[in-house]
Amino acid sequence: MGRAGLGRGTYLSYALGSVGTAGFATVPGLLLAYYLTNTLGVAAAVAALVVVLPKAWDVLILPVVGNRSDRSVDRRGSRRPYLLAGGATLPVLFALMFGAPARLGPSAAAAWVFVFFLLAATAFAVFQVPYIALPAEVTDDYDERTTMMSWRVAFLGGGILLFGAGAPAVKDAAGGLRGGYLVMGVAVGAAIGVGMIGCWWGMRHTRIQHPTESEPSLRVQIAVARRNRPFVVLLGAFFLQALATGSMLAAAQYYATYILDDEKLISILFGCLVGPAVLVMPLWAAVGHRAGKRAGFTASSLIFLAGTIGLAFSRSLPVAAVALVVAVCGVGYAGMQMFPLSMLPDTVATDAAESGKRRAGAFTGLWTAGETTGFALGPALVLGLLAVTGFVSSSADERVTQPGSAITGVLLAFSVLPAVLVVLSLPLVRRYDLSAGRVAEAVHAVDGRIVESGGRV
C-alpha cells in the first residue's frame, strides 16, 4: 500500500485533540500541587499522595482502555465513540477538581480533589488512548507520521502555552482564592472540551488504512509490548523525560513565588518554556526528515539538559536572564515531545510486520500509562523534595516565611531534578534502533499480509 495521502484537514482535526489533552496534561501539573499546599492548606506529603495515587489507577485503566478500544475497531471499524465519551465527560470533572467547597477543612478538601482527579484521569484515558493509536492506523508512511506529529505537537505546544499562561491569569483575575481556582477550572474544562470534541467531529471522514486486532487479555497485551524492544526503550526514555518535564512544571509556580519573589511571573516562565516550542517545531521536523528521528531526539534532549543545568545557577540572575535560559529549555522541550510521538507509530508498524496483526491500542494504552504516570510522579517528586527540605504549607489567606532549606529545595526541583532525569533517559534513546529503512521494510511486510479495511476512524 502507498501513502494514505492525508490532507491538511486531517492534520488539523487530529491536532485539535492536542489542544484538549494539553489542558489536562498541563494545568494539574502546574497548579494542582500549589492549590493543595498554598490554598487548601494540605501538607506537602499528603498532597503528594493526592496527585500520584490517581495516576497509579491510570496504570491499570489505560491498558484496559487500549484493549477495549482495539475491540471497538474490530466491531465498528472506529475509535470515535471513545473520543466522544472522554471529550464529553472530562470538562465537568476537571472543573470539579478545582472546586473544593470553602467549608471543607484540609483533609476533606484533599479527599475531594483526590476523587475528582481520579474520575478526570479516567475520562482522559478514554480519550487519549484511542487518540494516540490513530497515527499508526491512518497512514503507513514514515515521513507522513512525522508531519502528522509535527502538527500535533505544534498544537500541543500552543495549547500548553495557552493553558500554562492563561490558567494562572484567569485564576488571578477571578480573585486568586478558592473561587478563582473554580473559575479557572470551568474555563479550562470548557476549552478542553472544545479541542476534544473538535477532534472527534473532524476525524469522522478519515479512514483507517489497516484494521486493528485486539488481544484477549491485559496479560497478553503487556507481553506483546514487552517483546517489542524499540517500544520498550522508547517508552522508558519518554517516561523519564515525562518525569523531568512534570517536575519542572510542578516546581514552576514555587520557583516564581520563592526564587523570583513574584508568583505572577509563572505566566512569563511558561511562555518562555512553551513559546519557543511552537516556533521551532518546523525546524525539528526538518531535522527528523534529514538526520533521523533518533538524532533529533538526542539533540533536543541535550538542549533541554543544558538549559536545566543553567537554571541551577539562576538564584543570582536577573529575571530576563532566567527567561532566556528557560527559553533554551523550551527549544529542547519541543523536540522531546515531537520525536518520541512520531517514533511510537513506527514501533507499532514493526510489531505488525512481525506478528501480522495491527494492535495499536495494546501499545498506546501502555504508552499513555507511562506518560501520565511520569507527569503525575513529577509533581509527587517535587512535593516529596519540598517535604524533606521543610516546606511549610499555608491556606489561601496567609503567607508564611519558608526556611532556607525549602528555598533550596524549590531551586533543586526546578533545575537539578529534571536534569538528572534527562541524563538517565539518554542511554535508552541511544538504544532505539528503528531507522527509516527498517520501518519501510516493516510496512512492506504488512502490505503483503494485511488486507486494507474500508472502515472509518
Protein backbone atom coordinates (compact mmCIF):
# COMPACT_ATOMS: atom_id res chain seq x y z
CA MET A 1 0.00 0.00 0.00
CA GLY A 2 1.24 3.52 -0.72
CA ARG A 3 0.82 6.76 1.08
CA ALA A 4 -2.51 7.41 2.71
CA GLY A 5 -2.42 10.95 1.27
CA LEU A 6 -3.60 12.71 4.40
CA GLY A 7 -4.58 16.31 3.80
CA ARG A 8 -4.39 19.44 5.89
CA GLY A 9 -7.92 18.90 7.13
CA THR A 10 -6.91 15.59 8.71
CA TYR A 11 -3.77 17.10 10.22
CA LEU A 12 -5.78 19.98 11.63
CA SER A 13 -8.58 17.82 13.04
CA TYR A 14 -6.14 15.44 14.67
CA ALA A 15 -4.06 18.28 16.07
CA LEU A 16 -7.15 19.82 17.71
CA GLY A 17 -7.22 16.87 20.08
CA SER A 18 -3.88 18.00 21.45
CA VAL A 19 -5.37 21.33 22.47
CA GLY A 20 -7.67 19.36 24.76
CA THR A 21 -5.01 16.98 26.04
CA ALA A 22 -2.67 19.93 26.66
CA GLY A 23 -5.08 21.34 29.22
CA PHE A 24 -5.24 18.17 31.28
CA ALA A 25 -1.54 17.46 30.92
CA THR A 26 -0.51 20.99 31.88
CA VAL A 27 -2.81 22.64 34.39
CA PRO A 28 -2.90 19.94 37.10
CA GLY A 29 0.87 19.58 36.86
CA LEU A 30 1.32 23.32 37.06
CA LEU A 31 -1.27 24.35 39.67
CA LEU A 32 -2.72 21.35 41.48
CA ALA A 33 0.16 20.85 43.93
CA TYR A 34 0.28 24.60 44.67
CA TYR A 35 -3.53 24.67 45.02
CA LEU A 36 -3.32 21.90 47.61
CA THR A 37 -0.44 23.30 49.67
CA ASN A 38 -0.97 27.06 49.37
CA THR A 39 -4.77 27.36 49.08
CA LEU A 40 -6.31 24.33 50.78
CA GLY A 41 -3.60 24.06 53.46
CA VAL A 42 -2.81 20.42 52.70
CA ALA A 43 0.58 19.23 53.95
CA ALA A 44 3.12 18.61 51.18
CA ALA A 45 3.44 14.89 51.97
CA VAL A 46 -0.35 14.40 51.82
CA ALA A 47 -0.58 16.50 48.65
CA ALA A 48 1.99 14.20 47.05
CA LEU A 49 -0.33 11.25 47.61
CA VAL A 50 -3.29 13.16 46.20
CA VAL A 51 -1.50 13.90 42.93
CA VAL A 52 0.13 10.50 42.47
CA LEU A 53 -2.49 7.93 43.52
CA PRO A 54 -4.98 8.71 40.73
CA LYS A 55 -2.15 8.09 38.30
CA ALA A 56 -1.49 4.72 39.90
CA TRP A 57 -5.06 3.95 38.88
CA ASP A 58 -4.17 5.09 35.37
CA VAL A 59 -1.51 2.40 35.17
CA LEU A 60 -4.33 -0.13 35.49
CA ILE A 61 -7.09 1.53 33.48
CA LEU A 62 -5.10 2.77 30.47
CA PRO A 63 -4.11 -0.66 29.09
CA VAL A 64 -7.71 -1.82 29.62
CA VAL A 65 -8.98 1.15 27.61
CA GLY A 66 -6.46 0.32 24.90
CA ASN A 67 -7.70 -3.26 24.65
CA ARG A 68 -11.36 -2.22 24.57
CA SER A 69 -10.61 0.47 22.01
CA ASP A 70 -8.99 -2.15 19.79
CA ARG A 71 -12.13 -4.26 20.12
CA SER A 72 -14.21 -1.24 19.10
CA VAL A 73 -12.25 -1.15 15.85
CA ASP A 74 -12.80 -4.89 15.44
CA ARG A 75 -16.58 -4.47 15.78
CA ARG A 76 -17.28 -0.99 14.37
CA GLY A 77 -14.15 -0.05 12.43
CA SER A 78 -13.97 3.09 14.57
CA ARG A 79 -12.41 4.59 17.69
CA ARG A 80 -14.61 7.69 17.62
CA PRO A 81 -17.06 6.60 20.37
CA TYR A 82 -14.17 6.67 22.83
CA LEU A 83 -13.07 10.10 21.65
CA LEU A 84 -16.59 11.41 22.23
CA ALA A 85 -17.04 9.78 25.64
CA GLY A 86 -13.79 11.18 27.00
CA GLY A 87 -14.26 14.61 25.45
CA ALA A 88 -17.79 14.98 26.80
CA THR A 89 -17.12 13.99 30.44
CA LEU A 90 -13.66 15.39 31.16
CA PRO A 91 -14.59 19.12 31.16
CA VAL A 92 -17.09 18.78 34.03
CA LEU A 93 -14.81 16.56 36.11
CA PHE A 94 -11.89 18.92 35.56
CA ALA A 95 -13.85 21.92 36.87
CA LEU A 96 -14.95 19.99 39.97
CA MET A 97 -11.34 19.01 40.67
CA PHE A 98 -10.58 22.67 41.42
CA GLY A 99 -13.94 23.30 43.11
CA ALA A 100 -13.42 22.11 46.69
CA PRO A 101 -16.12 23.88 48.81
CA ALA A 102 -14.86 26.53 51.23
CA ARG A 103 -16.48 24.76 54.19
CA LEU A 104 -14.13 21.78 53.84
CA GLY A 105 -11.04 21.56 56.01
CA PRO A 106 -7.65 20.46 54.63
CA SER A 107 -8.30 16.71 54.98
CA ALA A 108 -11.78 16.77 53.43
CA ALA A 109 -10.59 19.12 50.68
CA ALA A 110 -7.74 16.74 49.87
CA ALA A 111 -10.26 13.90 49.61
CA TRP A 112 -12.48 16.00 47.29
CA VAL A 113 -9.57 16.75 44.96
CA PHE A 114 -8.48 13.12 45.01
CA VAL A 115 -11.91 11.77 43.97
CA PHE A 116 -12.44 14.17 41.10
CA PHE A 117 -8.84 13.90 39.94
CA LEU A 118 -9.31 10.12 39.80
CA LEU A 119 -12.50 10.44 37.75
CA ALA A 120 -10.98 13.08 35.47
CA ALA A 121 -7.93 10.88 34.87
CA THR A 122 -10.25 8.05 33.84
CA ALA A 123 -12.12 10.27 31.36
CA PHE A 124 -8.78 11.48 29.98
CA ALA A 125 -7.68 7.88 29.46
CA VAL A 126 -10.83 7.11 27.49
CA PHE A 127 -9.94 9.88 25.02
CA GLN A 128 -6.16 9.74 25.00
CA VAL A 129 -5.54 6.05 24.30
CA PRO A 130 -7.51 5.82 21.03
CA TYR A 131 -6.28 9.29 20.10
CA ILE A 132 -2.64 8.23 20.22
CA ALA A 133 -3.42 4.99 18.35
CA LEU A 134 -4.75 6.77 15.26
CA PRO A 135 -1.48 7.82 13.51
CA ALA A 136 -0.38 4.20 13.22
CA GLU A 137 -3.69 3.35 11.53
CA VAL A 138 -4.49 6.27 9.22
CA THR A 139 -1.14 6.31 7.39
CA ASP A 140 1.65 3.84 6.73
CA ASP A 141 4.19 6.45 5.59
CA TYR A 142 7.22 7.10 7.83
CA ASP A 143 7.59 10.78 6.89
CA GLU A 144 3.85 11.43 6.92
CA ARG A 145 3.74 10.32 10.54
CA THR A 146 6.47 12.86 11.28
CA THR A 147 4.40 15.57 9.59
CA MET A 148 1.28 14.48 11.46
CA MET A 149 3.15 14.59 14.76
CA SER A 150 4.67 17.98 13.97
CA TRP A 151 1.14 19.36 13.57
CA ARG A 152 0.04 17.65 16.74
CA VAL A 153 3.00 18.85 18.80
CA ALA A 154 2.71 22.38 17.38
CA PHE A 155 -0.91 22.47 18.59
CA LEU A 156 0.15 20.77 21.80
CA GLY A 157 2.75 23.47 22.33
CA GLY A 158 0.20 26.17 21.55
CA GLY A 159 -2.27 24.55 23.93
CA ILE A 160 0.32 24.26 26.68
CA LEU A 161 1.21 27.92 26.17
CA LEU A 162 -2.47 28.91 26.25
CA PHE A 163 -3.27 26.88 29.36
CA GLY A 164 0.04 27.39 31.13
CA ALA A 165 -0.02 31.16 30.80
CA GLY A 166 -3.79 31.61 30.70
CA ALA A 167 -4.89 29.41 33.59
CA PRO A 168 -2.92 31.34 36.26
CA ALA A 169 -4.06 34.62 34.71
CA VAL A 170 -7.72 33.59 34.84
CA LYS A 171 -7.29 32.41 38.41
CA ASP A 172 -5.72 35.71 39.46
CA ALA A 173 -8.31 37.78 37.60
CA ALA A 174 -11.08 35.91 39.40
CA GLY A 175 -9.62 36.64 42.82
CA GLY A 176 -6.93 34.01 43.18
CA LEU A 177 -8.51 32.26 46.19
CA ARG A 178 -10.76 29.18 46.09
CA GLY A 179 -13.29 30.94 43.89
CA GLY A 180 -10.57 31.94 41.47
CA TYR A 181 -9.46 28.34 41.09
CA LEU A 182 -13.05 27.25 40.41
CA VAL A 183 -13.50 29.88 37.68
CA MET A 184 -10.21 28.77 36.17
CA GLY A 185 -11.32 25.12 36.30
CA VAL A 186 -14.55 25.88 34.46
CA ALA A 187 -12.78 27.93 31.78
CA VAL A 188 -10.03 25.35 31.22
CA GLY A 189 -12.55 22.50 31.24
CA ALA A 190 -14.59 24.21 28.53
CA ALA A 191 -11.50 24.73 26.36
CA ILE A 192 -10.52 21.08 26.82
CA GLY A 193 -13.96 20.05 25.64
CA VAL A 194 -13.76 22.24 22.53
CA GLY A 195 -10.47 20.65 21.47
CA MET A 196 -11.51 17.06 22.09
CA ILE A 197 -14.98 17.32 20.57
CA GLY A 198 -13.48 19.18 17.60
CA CYS A 199 -11.11 16.28 17.02
CA TRP A 200 -13.94 13.74 17.28
CA TRP A 201 -16.02 15.65 14.74
CA GLY A 202 -13.21 16.50 12.34
CA MET A 203 -11.87 12.93 12.08
CA ARG A 204 -15.25 11.49 11.06
CA HIS A 205 -14.22 11.06 7.39
CA THR A 206 -10.68 9.82 7.97
CA ARG A 207 -10.35 6.18 7.04
CA ILE A 208 -8.35 3.56 8.91
CA GLN A 209 -5.84 2.05 6.50
CA HIS A 210 -5.31 -1.15 8.45
CA PRO A 211 -7.74 -3.00 10.72
CA THR A 212 -6.73 -3.37 14.36
CA GLU A 213 -6.87 -6.67 16.22
CA SER A 214 -7.43 -6.85 19.95
CA GLU A 215 -5.66 -9.12 22.39
CA PRO A 216 -7.74 -11.43 24.60
CA SER A 217 -6.41 -10.17 27.94
CA LEU A 218 -4.36 -7.47 29.60
CA ARG A 219 -1.65 -10.00 30.44
CA VAL A 220 -1.22 -10.92 26.78
CA GLN A 221 -1.31 -7.24 25.84
CA ILE A 222 1.60 -6.45 28.18
CA ALA A 223 3.54 -9.48 26.96
CA VAL A 224 3.12 -8.33 23.36
CA ALA A 225 4.50 -4.89 24.15
CA ARG A 226 7.44 -6.27 26.13
CA ARG A 227 8.63 -8.29 23.14
CA ASN A 228 8.93 -5.11 21.07
CA ARG A 229 12.39 -3.85 22.05
CA PRO A 230 12.20 -0.48 20.27
CA PHE A 231 8.90 0.23 22.01
CA VAL A 232 10.28 -0.71 25.43
CA VAL A 233 13.36 1.52 25.22
CA LEU A 234 11.37 4.39 23.69
CA LEU A 235 8.75 4.18 26.44
CA GLY A 236 11.48 4.09 29.08
CA ALA A 237 13.13 7.22 27.69
CA PHE A 238 9.82 9.04 27.30
CA PHE A 239 8.76 8.09 30.84
CA LEU A 240 11.93 9.53 32.35
CA GLN A 241 11.55 12.71 30.31
CA ALA A 242 7.89 12.98 31.32
CA LEU A 243 9.14 12.82 34.91
CA ALA A 244 11.60 15.59 34.11
CA THR A 245 9.11 17.93 32.45
CA GLY A 246 6.43 17.07 35.02
CA SER A 247 8.83 18.03 37.80
CA MET A 248 9.74 21.29 36.11
CA LEU A 249 6.11 22.23 35.53
CA ALA A 250 5.12 21.45 39.10
CA ALA A 251 8.06 23.40 40.51
CA ALA A 252 7.50 26.43 38.26
CA GLN A 253 4.88 28.11 40.47
CA TYR A 254 7.03 27.59 43.58
CA TYR A 255 10.07 28.89 41.67
CA ALA A 256 8.24 32.07 40.63
CA THR A 257 6.97 32.64 44.17
CA TYR A 258 10.05 31.84 46.25
CA ILE A 259 13.04 32.31 43.91
CA LEU A 260 11.83 35.17 41.70
CA ASP A 261 9.66 36.55 44.54
CA ASP A 262 6.63 37.14 42.32
CA GLU A 263 4.12 34.34 41.84
CA LYS A 264 2.57 36.11 38.82
CA LEU A 265 5.80 35.56 36.87
CA ILE A 266 4.61 31.97 36.34
CA SER A 267 2.90 33.11 33.13
CA ILE A 268 6.16 34.57 31.81
CA LEU A 269 8.10 31.43 32.73
CA PHE A 270 5.55 29.29 30.99
CA GLY A 271 5.56 31.47 27.91
CA CYS A 272 9.34 31.23 27.73
CA LEU A 273 9.23 27.44 28.07
CA VAL A 274 6.49 26.72 25.56
CA GLY A 275 6.62 29.70 23.19
CA PRO A 276 9.88 28.59 21.53
CA ALA A 277 8.40 25.10 21.16
CA VAL A 278 5.76 26.47 18.79
CA LEU A 279 8.31 28.46 16.78
CA VAL A 280 10.95 25.75 16.35
CA MET A 281 8.65 22.84 15.58
CA PRO A 282 9.15 23.12 11.78
CA LEU A 283 12.92 23.08 12.37
CA TRP A 284 12.71 19.91 14.46
CA ALA A 285 10.52 18.32 11.77
CA ALA A 286 13.23 19.16 9.19
CA VAL A 287 15.88 17.63 11.46
CA GLY A 288 13.80 14.46 11.69
CA HIS A 289 13.47 14.21 7.90
CA ARG A 290 17.17 14.81 7.25
CA ALA A 291 19.09 13.37 10.19
CA GLY A 292 16.61 10.84 11.53
CA LYS A 293 14.29 10.81 14.48
CA ARG A 294 16.75 9.35 16.99
CA ALA A 295 19.34 12.00 16.17
CA GLY A 296 16.72 14.71 16.63
CA PHE A 297 15.51 13.17 19.87
CA THR A 298 19.07 13.09 21.22
CA ALA A 299 19.82 16.67 20.18
CA SER A 300 16.63 18.06 21.70
CA SER A 301 17.28 16.19 24.96
CA LEU A 302 20.78 17.65 25.22
CA ILE A 303 19.50 21.19 24.61
CA PHE A 304 16.90 20.77 27.35
CA LEU A 305 19.59 19.37 29.65
CA ALA A 306 21.84 22.38 29.03
CA GLY A 307 19.01 24.72 29.98
CA THR A 308 18.20 22.94 33.24
CA ILE A 309 21.87 22.97 34.24
CA GLY A 310 21.90 26.71 33.65
CA LEU A 311 18.84 27.13 35.88
CA ALA A 312 20.72 25.53 38.77
CA PHE A 313 22.76 28.76 38.94
CA SER A 314 19.83 31.11 38.48
CA ARG A 315 19.33 32.48 42.02
CA SER A 316 21.63 35.40 41.28
CA LEU A 317 20.42 36.02 37.72
CA PRO A 318 18.02 38.80 36.70
CA VAL A 319 14.56 37.78 35.54
CA ALA A 320 15.42 38.47 31.87
CA ALA A 321 18.37 36.07 32.01
CA VAL A 322 16.25 33.42 33.71
CA ALA A 323 13.64 33.79 30.97
CA LEU A 324 16.32 33.28 28.32
CA VAL A 325 17.58 30.08 29.97
CA VAL A 326 14.03 28.77 30.28
CA ALA A 327 13.58 29.50 26.55
CA VAL A 328 16.58 27.25 25.84
CA CYS A 329 14.75 24.51 27.74
CA GLY A 330 11.72 25.25 25.57
CA VAL A 331 13.65 24.64 22.34
CA GLY A 332 14.69 21.23 23.63
CA TYR A 333 11.24 20.51 25.04
CA ALA A 334 9.67 20.83 21.58
CA GLY A 335 11.81 18.04 20.16
CA MET A 336 11.42 15.92 23.28
CA GLN A 337 7.68 15.94 22.61
CA MET A 338 7.64 15.59 18.82
CA PHE A 339 10.23 12.89 18.20
CA PRO A 340 9.04 10.13 20.57
CA LEU A 341 5.43 10.68 19.48
CA SER A 342 6.44 10.25 15.83
CA MET A 343 8.59 7.21 16.70
CA LEU A 344 5.77 5.42 18.54
CA PRO A 345 3.76 4.58 15.37
CA ASP A 346 6.95 3.18 13.85
CA THR A 347 7.22 0.67 16.70
CA VAL A 348 3.62 -0.36 16.03
CA ALA A 349 4.44 -0.88 12.35
CA THR A 350 7.33 -3.21 13.16
CA ASP A 351 5.11 -5.19 15.52
CA ALA A 352 2.58 -5.58 12.71
CA ALA A 353 5.35 -6.83 10.39
CA GLU A 354 6.46 -9.45 12.89
CA SER A 355 3.04 -10.59 14.09
CA GLY A 356 0.78 -9.97 11.11
CA LYS A 357 -1.58 -8.05 13.41
CA ARG A 358 -2.47 -4.42 13.94
CA ARG A 359 -2.93 -3.86 17.65
CA ALA A 360 -2.12 -0.22 18.19
CA GLY A 361 -4.25 0.07 21.30
CA ALA A 362 -2.13 -2.55 23.07
CA PHE A 363 0.83 -0.20 22.72
CA THR A 364 -0.82 3.17 23.14
CA GLY A 365 -2.58 2.08 26.31
CA LEU A 366 0.75 1.22 27.91
CA TRP A 367 2.36 4.33 26.39
CA THR A 368 -0.27 6.63 27.86
CA ALA A 369 0.02 4.86 31.21
CA GLY A 370 3.75 5.59 31.21
CA GLU A 371 3.26 9.17 30.07
CA THR A 372 0.57 10.07 32.59
CA THR A 373 2.38 8.27 35.40
CA GLY A 374 5.52 10.25 34.59
CA PHE A 375 3.64 13.55 34.58
CA ALA A 376 2.00 12.58 37.90
CA LEU A 377 5.15 11.35 39.61
CA GLY A 378 6.94 14.55 38.59
CA PRO A 379 4.79 16.71 40.90
CA ALA A 380 4.98 13.99 43.55
CA LEU A 381 8.78 14.09 43.40
CA VAL A 382 8.67 17.87 43.77
CA LEU A 383 6.32 17.67 46.75
CA GLY A 384 8.44 14.96 48.31
CA LEU A 385 11.56 17.09 47.89
CA LEU A 386 9.76 20.08 49.43
CA ALA A 387 8.57 17.96 52.36
CA VAL A 388 12.11 16.71 53.00
CA THR A 389 13.54 20.23 52.84
CA GLY A 390 11.00 21.62 55.33
CA PHE A 391 8.44 23.42 53.15
CA VAL A 392 5.59 24.94 55.20
CA SER A 393 2.04 24.73 53.72
CA SER A 394 -0.49 27.52 54.13
CA SER A 395 -4.10 28.45 53.40
CA ALA A 396 -5.14 30.94 50.72
CA ASP A 397 -5.36 33.95 53.06
CA GLU A 398 -1.93 33.67 54.71
CA ARG A 399 1.73 33.83 53.65
CA VAL A 400 4.39 32.05 55.67
CA THR A 401 8.16 32.51 55.63
CA GLN A 402 9.92 29.45 54.25
CA PRO A 403 13.17 28.16 55.75
CA GLY A 404 16.32 28.44 53.67
CA SER A 405 16.36 24.67 53.13
CA ALA A 406 12.91 24.81 51.50
CA ILE A 407 14.05 27.60 49.15
CA THR A 408 16.98 25.42 48.11
CA GLY A 409 14.55 22.54 47.61
CA VAL A 410 12.48 24.68 45.25
CA LEU A 411 15.58 25.54 43.18
CA LEU A 412 16.66 21.89 43.00
CA ALA A 413 13.17 20.81 41.96
CA PHE A 414 13.12 23.28 39.06
CA SER A 415 16.62 22.56 37.76
CA VAL A 416 18.72 19.68 39.09
CA LEU A 417 15.88 17.16 39.40
CA PRO A 418 14.78 17.40 35.73
CA ALA A 419 18.43 17.48 34.61
CA VAL A 420 19.19 14.19 36.38
CA LEU A 421 16.11 12.54 34.90
CA VAL A 422 17.03 13.57 31.35
CA VAL A 423 20.58 12.24 31.83
CA LEU A 424 19.10 8.88 32.85
CA SER A 425 17.00 8.81 29.67
CA LEU A 426 19.89 9.28 27.23
CA PRO A 427 21.21 5.66 27.24
CA LEU A 428 17.71 4.47 26.36
CA VAL A 429 17.45 6.96 23.48
CA ARG A 430 20.75 5.61 22.17
CA ARG A 431 19.44 2.02 22.23
CA TYR A 432 16.46 2.85 19.98
CA ASP A 433 17.35 1.36 16.58
CA LEU A 434 14.38 1.83 14.22
CA SER A 435 15.62 3.65 11.11
CA ALA A 436 13.52 4.84 8.18
CA GLY A 437 14.76 1.88 6.13
CA ARG A 438 13.79 -0.66 8.74
CA VAL A 439 10.34 0.85 9.15
CA ALA A 440 9.87 0.82 5.36
CA GLU A 441 10.68 -2.87 5.31
CA ALA A 442 8.14 -3.42 8.08
CA VAL A 443 5.44 -1.56 6.15
CA HIS A 444 6.21 -3.61 3.03
CA ALA A 445 5.81 -6.82 5.04
CA VAL A 446 2.49 -5.62 6.42
CA ASP A 447 1.24 -4.81 2.92
CA GLY A 448 1.73 -8.43 1.99
CA ARG A 449 -0.22 -9.79 4.92
CA ILE A 450 -2.94 -7.33 5.91
CA VAL A 451 -5.91 -6.52 3.72
CA GLU A 452 -6.91 -2.89 3.57
CA SER A 453 -10.01 -2.07 5.58
CA GLY A 454 -12.85 0.11 4.39
CA GLY A 455 -13.70 1.13 7.98
CA ARG A 456 -13.66 4.65 9.31
CA VAL A 457 -11.92 6.24 12.25
